[in-house]
Amino acid sequence: GMPYAMRCRPSGIVLLVLIWGGVLAREAYCATRPRSCSAKSGAKSSQGGAAGRVWNSIEPECREKLEANRTAAAMRCLEGHFWTSREPGRRGGDFHTTLRKLRHDAEMFTWLEEEGKIKTDVKKAFRGIFHAAREQHLKNPDKVFEVNFKEQTDERKLWMQANNKAVYLDPSGKEAPAKILRAKPAAFRGLEDSLRDTGRAVADKLLTDKSLRLLRRFLQASTFYYFPRSG
């Protein structure tokens, strides 16, 4: 079956992907009601809860572009901020992790090595670190701890380059099907009404089968799991 690493919920650039999907939906809906959308485009988000936290966590300069309906510019902005923090070698390494995350990383890098996407040394380093930490942290796999290296070894260098970094992004993320959205304009009207009335919106069958297949592959095959917390 699918490795444990492939079943975990990803994070990091997934926010960008989710925003991308939401913006696509909003743009398709706005095409049917331009006056309604233009009146709201300059409004600041005051919504609380998880949706408000996600919106407010977006870099202000990128959020302003989204509010101004400058979708392509906003996506470039978000991608630039992502690479600044996640590209290997762009900033110092992060030595904090959990046993659960180490298990994910070890299995993810094992799968990527089998697929010929990364070097064997990366797989061996993370598997070795996981097995070394397993006994001590097995009873509390979600407790954050610091990985300590006593000297400047090759294993330490690999850890700094790979831990919490965008080691591999699957090419499927660059593919753009001719048709992305399956939902009709009426569905977007329902989404907006639900969001306005309840603060929640559920979209079923929003994307075409090909779009969903590419998105699933992109999220499963890329290194997105950056934070040492469960869920």
C-alpha atoms as a PDB file:
ATOM      1  CA  GLY A   1       0.000   0.000   0.000  1.00  0.00           C
ATOM      2  CA  MET A   2       0.876   3.668   0.081  1.00  0.00           C
ATOM      3  CA  PRO A   3       3.710   4.510   2.534  1.00  0.00           C
ATOM      4  CA  TYR A   4       2.804   6.220   5.819  1.00  0.00           C
ATOM      5  CA  ALA A   5       4.598   9.311   4.539  1.00  0.00           C
ATOM      6  CA  MET A   6       2.235   9.489   1.586  1.00  0.00           C
ATOM      7  CA  ARG A   7      -0.847   9.358   3.820  1.00  0.00           C
ATOM      8  CA  CYS A   8       0.059  12.270   6.104  1.00  0.00           C
ATOM      9  CA  ARG A   9      -1.629  15.606   5.633  1.00  0.00           C
ATOM     10  CA  PRO A  10       0.914  18.007   4.085  1.00  0.00           C
ATOM     11  CA  SER A  11       1.495  21.634   4.988  1.00  0.00           C
ATOM     12  CA  GLY A  12       3.564  24.619   3.908  1.00  0.00           C
ATOM     13  CA  ILE A  13       3.028  25.220   0.197  1.00  0.00           C
ATOM     14  CA  VAL A  14      -0.308  23.430   0.493  1.00  0.00           C
ATOM     15  CA  LEU A  15      -1.606  26.779   1.746  1.00  0.00           C
ATOM     16  CA  LEU A  16      -0.585  28.216  -1.601  1.00  0.00           C
ATOM     17  CA  VAL A  17      -2.366  25.381  -3.419  1.00  0.00           C
ATOM     18  CA  LEU A  18      -5.531  25.867  -1.370  1.00  0.00           C
ATOM     19  CA  ILE A  19      -5.487  29.592  -1.987  1.00  0.00           C
ATOM     20  CA  TRP A  20      -4.962  28.869  -5.681  1.00  0.00           C
ATOM     21  CA  GLY A  21      -8.035  26.665  -5.722  1.00  0.00           C
ATOM     22  CA  GLY A  22     -10.069  29.206  -3.814  1.00  0.00           C
ATOM     23  CA  VAL A  23      -9.002  32.049  -6.075  1.00  0.00           C
ATOM     24  CA  LEU A  24      -9.862  30.022  -9.170  1.00  0.00           C
ATOM     25  CA  ALA A  25     -13.313  29.376  -7.758  1.00  0.00           C
ATOM     26  CA  ARG A  26     -13.755  33.031  -6.827  1.00  0.00           C
ATOM     27  CA  GLU A  27     -12.655  34.226 -10.258  1.00  0.00           C
ATOM     28  CA  ALA A  28     -15.021  31.862 -12.037  1.00  0.00           C
ATOM     29  CA  TYR A  29     -17.855  33.107  -9.869  1.00  0.00           C
ATOM     30  CA  CYS A  30     -16.822  36.748 -10.259  1.00  0.00           C
ATOM     31  CA  ALA A  31     -17.047  36.343 -14.009  1.00  0.00           C
ATOM     32  CA  THR A  32     -20.809  35.944 -13.542  1.00  0.00           C
ATOM     33  CA  ARG A  33     -21.209  38.810 -11.031  1.00  0.00           C
ATOM     34  CA  PRO A  34     -18.420  41.367 -11.591  1.00  0.00           C
ATOM     35  CA  ARG A  35     -20.145  44.197  -9.713  1.00  0.00           C
ATOM     36  CA  SER A  36     -20.579  42.131  -6.592  1.00  0.00           C
ATOM     37  CA  CYS A  37     -16.943  41.045  -6.587  1.00  0.00           C
ATOM     38  CA  SER A  38     -15.483  44.451  -7.403  1.00  0.00           C
ATOM     39  CA  ALA A  39     -17.391  45.947  -4.478  1.00  0.00           C
ATOM     40  CA  LYS A  40     -15.819  43.399  -2.138  1.00  0.00           C
ATOM     41  CA  SER A  41     -12.316  43.323  -3.554  1.00  0.00           C
ATOM     42  CA  GLY A  42     -11.030  46.147  -1.415  1.00  0.00           C
ATOM     43  CA  ALA A  43     -12.636  44.982   1.795  1.00  0.00           C
ATOM     44  CA  LYS A  44     -10.425  43.750   4.602  1.00  0.00           C
ATOM     45  CA  SER A  45     -11.135  40.340   6.082  1.00  0.00           C
ATOM     46  CA  SER A  46     -12.572  40.530   9.567  1.00  0.00           C
ATOM     47  CA  GLN A  47     -13.657  36.913   9.707  1.00  0.00           C
ATOM     48  CA  GLY A  48     -12.526  35.016  12.780  1.00  0.00           C
ATOM     49  CA  GLY A  49     -11.854  31.348  13.319  1.00  0.00           C
ATOM     50  CA  ALA A  50      -9.604  29.140  11.209  1.00  0.00           C
ATOM     51  CA  ALA A  51     -10.472  30.867   7.938  1.00  0.00           C
ATOM     52  CA  GLY A  52      -9.585  34.250   9.387  1.00  0.00           C
ATOM     53  CA  ARG A  53      -6.292  32.949  10.781  1.00  0.00           C
ATOM     54  CA  VAL A  54      -5.337  31.452   7.423  1.00  0.00           C
ATOM     55  CA  TRP A  55      -6.203  34.656   5.594  1.00  0.00           C
ATOM     56  CA  ASN A  56      -4.308  36.841   8.066  1.00  0.00           C
ATOM     57  CA  SER A  57      -1.259  34.546   7.932  1.00  0.00           C
ATOM     58  CA  ILE A  58      -0.736  35.350   4.253  1.00  0.00           C
ATOM     59  CA  GLU A  59       2.086  37.817   3.629  1.00  0.00           C
ATOM     60  CA  PRO A  60       0.475  41.296   3.563  1.00  0.00           C
ATOM     61  CA  GLU A  61       1.907  42.214   0.161  1.00  0.00           C
ATOM     62  CA  CYS A  62       0.536  38.979  -1.324  1.00  0.00           C
ATOM     63  CA  ARG A  63      -2.823  39.424   0.389  1.00  0.00           C
ATOM     64  CA  GLU A  64      -3.176  42.901  -1.085  1.00  0.00           C
ATOM     65  CA  LYS A  65      -2.714  41.452  -4.565  1.00  0.00           C
ATOM     66  CA  LEU A  66      -5.414  38.847  -3.887  1.00  0.00           C
ATOM     67  CA  GLU A  67      -7.785  41.548  -2.659  1.00  0.00           C
ATOM     68  CA  ALA A  68      -7.112  43.530  -5.837  1.00  0.00           C
ATOM     69  CA  ASN A  69      -7.929  40.458  -7.982  1.00  0.00           C
ATOM     70  CA  ARG A  70      -4.315  40.316  -9.225  1.00  0.00           C
ATOM     71  CA  THR A  71      -4.261  36.550  -9.013  1.00  0.00           C
ATOM     72  CA  ALA A  72      -1.136  35.776 -11.052  1.00  0.00           C
ATOM     73  CA  ALA A  73       0.880  38.427  -9.203  1.00  0.00           C
ATOM     74  CA  ALA A  74      -0.346  37.100  -5.844  1.00  0.00           C
ATOM     75  CA  MET A  75       0.706  33.559  -6.723  1.00  0.00           C
ATOM     76  CA  ARG A  76       4.176  34.749  -7.744  1.00  0.00           C
ATOM     77  CA  CYS A  77       4.392  36.671  -4.487  1.00  0.00           C
ATOM     78  CA  LEU A  78       3.430  33.629  -2.405  1.00  0.00           C
ATOM     79  CA  GLU A  79       5.810  31.378  -4.288  1.00  0.00           C
ATOM     80  CA  GLY A  80       8.673  33.832  -3.750  1.00  0.00           C
ATOM     81  CA  HIS A  81       8.114  33.894   0.015  1.00  0.00           C
ATOM     82  CA  PHE A  82       7.877  30.109   0.053  1.00  0.00           C
ATOM     83  CA  TRP A  83      11.224  29.616  -1.681  1.00  0.00           C
ATOM     84  CA  THR A  84      12.920  32.197   0.532  1.00  0.00           C
ATOM     85  CA  SER A  85      12.284  30.006   3.566  1.00  0.00           C
ATOM     86  CA  ARG A  86      12.173  26.499   2.088  1.00  0.00           C
ATOM     87  CA  GLU A  87      14.802  26.306  -0.654  1.00  0.00           C
ATOM     88  CA  PRO A  88      17.751  24.175   0.519  1.00  0.00           C
ATOM     89  CA  GLY A  89      20.729  26.386   1.323  1.00  0.00           C
ATOM     90  CA  ARG A  90      18.769  29.652   1.522  1.00  0.00           C
ATOM     91  CA  ARG A  91      18.700  29.762   5.334  1.00  0.00           C
ATOM     92  CA  GLY A  92      20.009  27.856   8.353  1.00  0.00           C
ATOM     93  CA  GLY A  93      18.724  24.443   9.244  1.00  0.00           C
ATOM     94  CA  ASP A  94      16.005  23.638  11.764  1.00  0.00           C
ATOM     95  CA  PHE A  95      17.001  21.012  14.342  1.00  0.00           C
ATOM     96  CA  HIS A  96      13.595  20.555  16.011  1.00  0.00           C
ATOM     97  CA  THR A  97      11.321  17.658  15.136  1.00  0.00           C
ATOM     98  CA  THR A  98       9.156  14.896  16.613  1.00  0.00           C
ATOM     99  CA  LEU A  99       9.395  11.131  16.340  1.00  0.00           C
ATOM    100  CA  ARG A 100       6.222  11.063  14.256  1.00  0.00           C
ATOM    101  CA  LYS A 101       7.634  13.614  11.825  1.00  0.00           C
ATOM    102  CA  LEU A 102      10.948  11.746  11.703  1.00  0.00           C
ATOM    103  CA  ARG A 103       9.077   8.585  10.762  1.00  0.00           C
ATOM    104  CA  HIS A 104       7.276  10.490   8.020  1.00  0.00           C
ATOM    105  CA  ASP A 105      10.526  12.014   6.732  1.00  0.00           C
ATOM    106  CA  ALA A 106      12.379   8.688   6.781  1.00  0.00           C
ATOM    107  CA  GLU A 107       9.620   6.952   4.817  1.00  0.00           C
ATOM    108  CA  MET A 108       9.143   9.888   2.451  1.00  0.00           C
ATOM    109  CA  PHE A 109      12.844  10.017   1.600  1.00  0.00           C
ATOM    110  CA  THR A 110      12.925   6.213   1.252  1.00  0.00           C
ATOM    111  CA  TRP A 111      10.100   6.391  -1.286  1.00  0.00           C
ATOM    112  CA  LEU A 112      11.721   9.304  -3.151  1.00  0.00           C
ATOM    113  CA  GLU A 113      15.033   7.421  -3.304  1.00  0.00           C
ATOM    114  CA  GLU A 114      13.264   4.366  -4.723  1.00  0.00           C
ATOM    115  CA  GLU A 115      11.690   6.650  -7.340  1.00  0.00           C
ATOM    116  CA  GLY A 116      15.152   8.007  -8.228  1.00  0.00           C
ATOM    117  CA  LYS A 117      14.322  11.552  -7.049  1.00  0.00           C
ATOM    118  CA  ILE A 118      16.945  11.990  -4.291  1.00  0.00           C
ATOM    119  CA  LYS A 119      20.350  10.588  -3.378  1.00  0.00           C
ATOM    120  CA  THR A 120      20.672   7.469  -1.233  1.00  0.00           C
ATOM    121  CA  ASP A 121      22.689   9.368   1.387  1.00  0.00           C
ATOM    122  CA  VAL A 122      19.646  11.494   2.284  1.00  0.00           C
ATOM    123  CA  LYS A 123      17.516   8.402   2.846  1.00  0.00           C
ATOM    124  CA  LYS A 124      20.196   6.736   4.962  1.00  0.00           C
ATOM    125  CA  ALA A 125      20.732   9.835   7.095  1.00  0.00           C
ATOM    126  CA  PHE A 126      17.067  10.272   7.999  1.00  0.00           C
ATOM    127  CA  ARG A 127      16.466   6.572   8.575  1.00  0.00           C
ATOM    128  CA  GLY A 128      19.501   6.454  10.864  1.00  0.00           C
ATOM    129  CA  ILE A 129      18.378   9.488  12.867  1.00  0.00           C
ATOM    130  CA  PHE A 130      14.871   8.066  13.204  1.00  0.00           C
ATOM    131  CA  HIS A 131      16.092   4.705  14.514  1.00  0.00           C
ATOM    132  CA  ALA A 132      18.496   6.441  16.917  1.00  0.00           C
ATOM    133  CA  ALA A 133      15.664   8.541  18.389  1.00  0.00           C
ATOM    134  CA  ARG A 134      12.952   5.869  18.344  1.00  0.00           C
ATOM    135  CA  GLU A 135      13.560   4.193  21.705  1.00  0.00           C
ATOM    136  CA  GLN A 136      13.815   7.434  23.682  1.00  0.00           C
ATOM    137  CA  HIS A 137      10.740   9.113  22.156  1.00  0.00           C
ATOM    138  CA  LEU A 138       8.476   6.148  21.358  1.00  0.00           C
ATOM    139  CA  LYS A 139       6.101   6.793  24.282  1.00  0.00           C
ATOM    140  CA  ASN A 140       5.543  10.418  23.286  1.00  0.00           C
ATOM    141  CA  PRO A 141       5.907  10.601  19.486  1.00  0.00           C
ATOM    142  CA  ASP A 142       4.433  14.109  19.207  1.00  0.00           C
ATOM    143  CA  LYS A 143       6.745  15.777  21.713  1.00  0.00           C
ATOM    144  CA  VAL A 144       9.106  18.244  20.034  1.00  0.00           C
ATOM    145  CA  PHE A 145      12.795  17.612  20.647  1.00  0.00           C
ATOM    146  CA  GLU A 146      16.073  18.883  19.227  1.00  0.00           C
ATOM    147  CA  VAL A 147      18.360  16.720  17.124  1.00  0.00           C
ATOM    148  CA  ASN A 148      21.946  17.213  18.323  1.00  0.00           C
ATOM    149  CA  PHE A 149      25.059  16.508  16.298  1.00  0.00           C
ATOM    150  CA  LYS A 150      28.308  16.495  18.248  1.00  0.00           C
ATOM    151  CA  GLU A 151      30.439  17.344  15.226  1.00  0.00           C
ATOM    152  CA  GLN A 152      30.248  18.659  11.676  1.00  0.00           C
ATOM    153  CA  THR A 153      29.521  15.323  10.020  1.00  0.00           C
ATOM    154  CA  ASP A 154      28.122  14.616   6.564  1.00  0.00           C
ATOM    155  CA  GLU A 155      24.914  13.488   8.289  1.00  0.00           C
ATOM    156  CA  ARG A 156      24.583  16.918   9.939  1.00  0.00           C
ATOM    157  CA  LYS A 157      25.091  18.671   6.597  1.00  0.00           C
ATOM    158  CA  LEU A 158      22.421  16.512   4.955  1.00  0.00           C
ATOM    159  CA  TRP A 159      20.032  17.228   7.827  1.00  0.00           C
ATOM    160  CA  MET A 160      20.532  20.994   7.489  1.00  0.00           C
ATOM    161  CA  GLN A 161      19.930  20.850   3.744  1.00  0.00           C
ATOM    162  CA  ALA A 162      16.890  18.563   3.857  1.00  0.00           C
ATOM    163  CA  ASN A 163      14.988  18.997   7.132  1.00  0.00           C
ATOM    164  CA  ASN A 164      11.932  21.233   6.651  1.00  0.00           C
ATOM    165  CA  LYS A 165      13.060  22.076   3.119  1.00  0.00           C
ATOM    166  CA  ALA A 166      11.479  21.745  -0.303  1.00  0.00           C
ATOM    167  CA  VAL A 167      13.734  18.855  -1.264  1.00  0.00           C
ATOM    168  CA  TYR A 168      11.455  17.682  -4.053  1.00  0.00           C
ATOM    169  CA  LEU A 169       8.405  19.193  -5.721  1.00  0.00           C
ATOM    170  CA  ASP A 170       6.651  16.903  -8.166  1.00  0.00           C
ATOM    171  CA  PRO A 171       6.381  18.242 -11.761  1.00  0.00           C
ATOM    172  CA  SER A 172       2.637  17.562 -11.729  1.00  0.00           C
ATOM    173  CA  GLY A 173       2.286  20.857  -9.873  1.00  0.00           C
ATOM    174  CA  LYS A 174       3.278  22.713 -13.037  1.00  0.00           C
ATOM    175  CA  GLU A 175       0.698  21.057 -15.252  1.00  0.00           C
ATOM    176  CA  ALA A 176      -2.427  23.053 -16.077  1.00  0.00           C
ATOM    177  CA  PRO A 177      -5.311  21.099 -17.616  1.00  0.00           C
ATOM    178  CA  ALA A 178      -7.400  22.817 -20.276  1.00  0.00           C
ATOM    179  CA  LYS A 179     -10.374  22.610 -17.926  1.00  0.00           C
ATOM    180  CA  ILE A 180      -9.734  22.957 -14.190  1.00  0.00           C
ATOM    181  CA  LEU A 181     -13.143  23.543 -12.634  1.00  0.00           C
ATOM    182  CA  ARG A 182     -16.063  21.151 -12.910  1.00  0.00           C
ATOM    183  CA  ALA A 183     -18.558  23.193 -10.869  1.00  0.00           C
ATOM    184  CA  LYS A 184     -21.116  25.468 -12.552  1.00  0.00           C
ATOM    185  CA  PRO A 185     -21.654  29.183 -11.760  1.00  0.00           C
ATOM    186  CA  ALA A 186     -24.715  28.324  -9.668  1.00  0.00           C
ATOM    187  CA  ALA A 187     -22.496  26.296  -7.332  1.00  0.00           C
ATOM    188  CA  PHE A 188     -20.313  29.334  -6.695  1.00  0.00           C
ATOM    189  CA  ARG A 189     -23.351  31.415  -5.860  1.00  0.00           C
ATOM    190  CA  GLY A 190     -24.318  28.761  -3.322  1.00  0.00           C
ATOM    191  CA  LEU A 191     -20.802  28.774  -1.864  1.00  0.00           C
ATOM    192  CA  GLU A 192     -20.848  32.529  -1.398  1.00  0.00           C
ATOM    193  CA  ASP A 193     -24.306  32.462   0.179  1.00  0.00           C
ATOM    194  CA  SER A 194     -23.258  29.709   2.583  1.00  0.00           C
ATOM    195  CA  LEU A 195     -20.029  31.475   3.509  1.00  0.00           C
ATOM    196  CA  ARG A 196     -21.881  34.718   4.145  1.00  0.00           C
ATOM    197  CA  ASP A 197     -24.687  33.125   6.188  1.00  0.00           C
ATOM    198  CA  THR A 198     -22.787  30.494   8.194  1.00  0.00           C
ATOM    199  CA  GLY A 199     -19.099  31.279   7.837  1.00  0.00           C
ATOM    200  CA  ARG A 200     -18.584  27.886   6.205  1.00  0.00           C
ATOM    201  CA  ALA A 201     -18.708  26.573   2.658  1.00  0.00           C
ATOM    202  CA  VAL A 202     -18.409  23.035   1.306  1.00  0.00           C
ATOM    203  CA  ALA A 203     -17.597  22.436  -2.354  1.00  0.00           C
ATOM    204  CA  ASP A 204     -18.240  18.968  -3.742  1.00  0.00           C
ATOM    205  CA  LYS A 205     -16.837  18.000  -7.141  1.00  0.00           C
ATOM    206  CA  LEU A 206     -15.217  21.414  -7.571  1.00  0.00           C
ATOM    207  CA  LEU A 207     -12.332  20.214  -9.770  1.00  0.00           C
ATOM    208  CA  THR A 208     -12.296  18.054 -12.871  1.00  0.00           C
ATOM    209  CA  ASP A 209     -10.984  14.509 -12.488  1.00  0.00           C
ATOM    210  CA  LYS A 210      -7.677  15.370 -14.165  1.00  0.00           C
ATOM    211  CA  SER A 211      -7.168  18.465 -12.016  1.00  0.00           C
ATOM    212  CA  LEU A 212      -7.878  16.484  -8.856  1.00  0.00           C
ATOM    213  CA  ARG A 213      -5.550  13.686  -9.945  1.00  0.00           C
ATOM    214  CA  LEU A 214      -2.702  16.135 -10.605  1.00  0.00           C
ATOM    215  CA  LEU A 215      -3.307  17.970  -7.334  1.00  0.00           C
ATOM    216  CA  ARG A 216      -3.344  14.711  -5.371  1.00  0.00           C
ATOM    217  CA  ARG A 217      -0.095  13.576  -6.977  1.00  0.00           C
ATOM    218  CA  PHE A 218       1.503  16.974  -6.371  1.00  0.00           C
ATOM    219  CA  LEU A 219       0.640  16.923  -2.671  1.00  0.00           C
ATOM    220  CA  GLN A 220       1.510  13.273  -2.076  1.00  0.00           C
ATOM    221  CA  ALA A 221       4.813  13.168  -3.946  1.00  0.00           C
ATOM    222  CA  SER A 222       6.287  16.496  -2.786  1.00  0.00           C
ATOM    223  CA  THR A 223       8.048  17.274   0.490  1.00  0.00           C
ATOM    224  CA  PHE A 224       5.481  19.460   2.245  1.00  0.00           C
ATOM    225  CA  TYR A 225       5.513  18.261   5.861  1.00  0.00           C
ATOM    226  CA  TYR A 226       7.452  21.079   7.565  1.00  0.00           C
ATOM    227  CA  PHE A 227       6.096  21.460  11.071  1.00  0.00           C
ATOM    228  CA  PRO A 228       6.762  19.177  14.089  1.00  0.00           C
ATOM    229  CA  ARG A 229       3.146  18.844  15.187  1.00  0.00           C
ATOM    230  CA  SER A 230       0.497  16.213  14.636  1.00  0.00           C
ATOM    231  CA  GLY A 231      -2.515  16.623  12.334  1.00  0.00           C
END
